[in-house]
């Protein structure tokens, strides 16, 4: 799962949101580290919809503009949970390796990774 897909699913985990709301939520969730472009967002939304991980919740017209709200499907909830577990396991493995001191430069590596 891409970082963008992970954050879109995470942004929709608590409630349906429209595109701009998803972008704002992703920025907040990532402490500003992830800032998707609108074109990227809608590509991800299309793919996640086609994969059955999200669905159109409703459409509303506000100030003359159509807003589409998306929500997680049951499959999306399962996929997000599985990805969160996979990422946590990877982070745990990295912390264990660092705690074991495996970050010291090996023979022939001056100052660490090349």
Protein backbone atom coordinates (compact mmCIF):
# COMPACT_ATOMS: atom_id res chain seq x y z
CA UNK A 1 0.00 0.00 0.00
CA UNK A 2 1.35 3.41 -0.90
CA UNK A 3 1.86 6.12 1.69
CA UNK A 4 -0.83 8.21 -0.01
CA UNK A 5 -3.37 5.33 0.10
CA UNK A 6 -2.54 4.65 3.75
CA UNK A 7 -3.15 8.26 4.73
CA UNK A 8 -6.37 8.52 2.69
CA UNK A 9 -7.75 5.43 4.42
CA UNK A 10 -6.61 6.77 7.79
CA UNK A 11 -8.27 10.13 7.09
CA UNK A 12 -11.55 8.30 6.43
CA UNK A 13 -11.31 5.99 9.45
CA UNK A 14 -13.44 8.13 11.76
CA UNK A 15 -15.95 9.72 9.36
CA UNK A 16 -16.77 10.36 5.70
CA UNK A 17 -14.96 13.31 4.15
CA UNK A 18 -14.85 15.20 0.87
CA UNK A 19 -11.64 15.72 -1.11
CA UNK A 20 -10.50 18.96 0.51
CA UNK A 21 -11.36 17.60 3.95
CA UNK A 22 -9.26 14.51 3.22
CA UNK A 23 -6.30 16.69 2.19
CA UNK A 24 -6.53 18.75 5.39
CA UNK A 25 -6.87 15.64 7.55
CA UNK A 26 -3.83 14.01 5.93
CA UNK A 27 -1.76 17.11 6.56
CA UNK A 28 -2.85 17.11 10.21
CA UNK A 29 -2.33 13.37 10.70
CA UNK A 30 1.18 13.56 9.26
CA UNK A 31 2.15 16.76 11.09
CA UNK A 32 2.54 18.43 7.70
CA UNK A 33 4.94 15.79 6.36
CA UNK A 34 2.51 14.49 3.72
CA UNK A 35 0.92 17.03 1.40
CA UNK A 36 -0.87 15.45 -1.53
CA UNK A 37 -1.66 17.32 -4.70
CA UNK A 38 -5.29 17.36 -5.76
CA UNK A 39 -4.57 15.27 -8.88
CA UNK A 40 -2.75 12.68 -6.78
CA UNK A 41 -5.60 12.55 -4.27
CA UNK A 42 -8.26 11.92 -6.90
CA UNK A 43 -6.13 9.23 -8.54
CA UNK A 44 -5.82 7.49 -5.16
CA UNK A 45 -9.55 7.90 -4.50
CA UNK A 46 -10.37 6.35 -7.88
CA UNK A 47 -8.04 3.40 -7.22
CA UNK A 48 -9.30 2.81 -3.68
CA UNK A 49 -12.90 2.95 -4.95
CA UNK A 50 -12.12 0.46 -7.73
CA UNK A 51 -10.44 -1.82 -5.15
CA UNK A 52 -13.55 -1.67 -2.94
CA UNK A 53 -11.70 -0.08 0.00
CA UNK A 54 -13.74 3.14 -0.06
CA UNK A 55 -17.14 4.07 -1.42
CA UNK A 56 -19.04 7.20 -2.27
CA UNK A 57 -21.01 8.13 0.85
CA UNK A 58 -23.00 11.07 -0.52
CA UNK A 59 -22.88 14.11 -2.75
CA UNK A 60 -23.77 17.63 -1.64
CA UNK A 61 -23.86 20.95 -3.42
CA UNK A 62 -22.25 23.71 -1.40
CA UNK A 63 -21.79 27.22 -2.80
CA UNK A 64 -22.64 25.90 -6.26
CA UNK A 65 -19.98 23.18 -6.18
CA UNK A 66 -20.51 19.45 -5.94
CA UNK A 67 -18.77 17.79 -3.01
CA UNK A 68 -18.36 14.03 -3.00
CA UNK A 69 -17.95 12.45 0.41
CA UNK A 70 -16.12 9.14 0.68
CA UNK A 71 -16.23 6.54 3.45
CA UNK A 72 -14.33 3.38 4.30
CA UNK A 73 -15.92 0.07 3.40
CA UNK A 74 -15.61 -2.99 5.64
CA UNK A 75 -12.83 -4.18 3.32
CA UNK A 76 -11.13 -0.79 3.72
CA UNK A 77 -11.25 -1.11 7.50
CA UNK A 78 -9.61 -4.55 7.26
CA UNK A 79 -6.97 -3.32 4.80
CA UNK A 80 -6.10 -0.30 6.96
CA UNK A 81 -5.85 -2.47 10.07
CA UNK A 82 -3.59 -4.97 8.30
CA UNK A 83 -1.34 -2.21 6.94
CA UNK A 84 -1.09 -0.55 10.36
CA UNK A 85 -0.05 -3.90 11.88
CA UNK A 86 2.52 -4.47 9.12
CA UNK A 87 3.99 -1.01 9.62
CA UNK A 88 4.09 -1.43 13.40
CA UNK A 89 5.88 -4.78 13.04
CA UNK A 90 8.46 -3.16 10.76
CA UNK A 91 8.98 -0.30 13.20
CA UNK A 92 9.37 -2.79 16.07
CA UNK A 93 12.00 -4.72 14.09
CA UNK A 94 13.93 -1.51 13.40
CA UNK A 95 13.84 -0.51 17.08
CA UNK A 96 15.07 -3.98 18.14
CA UNK A 97 17.97 -3.81 15.68
CA UNK A 98 18.94 -0.36 16.87
CA UNK A 99 18.78 -1.50 20.51
CA UNK A 100 21.00 -4.48 19.68
CA UNK A 101 23.66 -2.10 18.42
CA UNK A 102 23.56 -3.31 14.84
CA UNK A 103 23.86 0.26 13.67
CA UNK A 104 27.65 0.37 14.14
CA UNK A 105 29.63 0.63 10.88
CA UNK A 106 30.96 -2.65 9.63
CA UNK A 107 34.45 -3.33 8.28
CA UNK A 108 35.28 -1.11 5.36
CA UNK A 109 32.39 1.28 5.93
CA UNK A 110 33.83 4.53 7.14
CA UNK A 111 31.15 6.40 9.04
CA UNK A 112 28.19 4.15 8.28
CA UNK A 113 26.16 3.50 5.17
CA UNK A 114 27.59 4.36 1.77
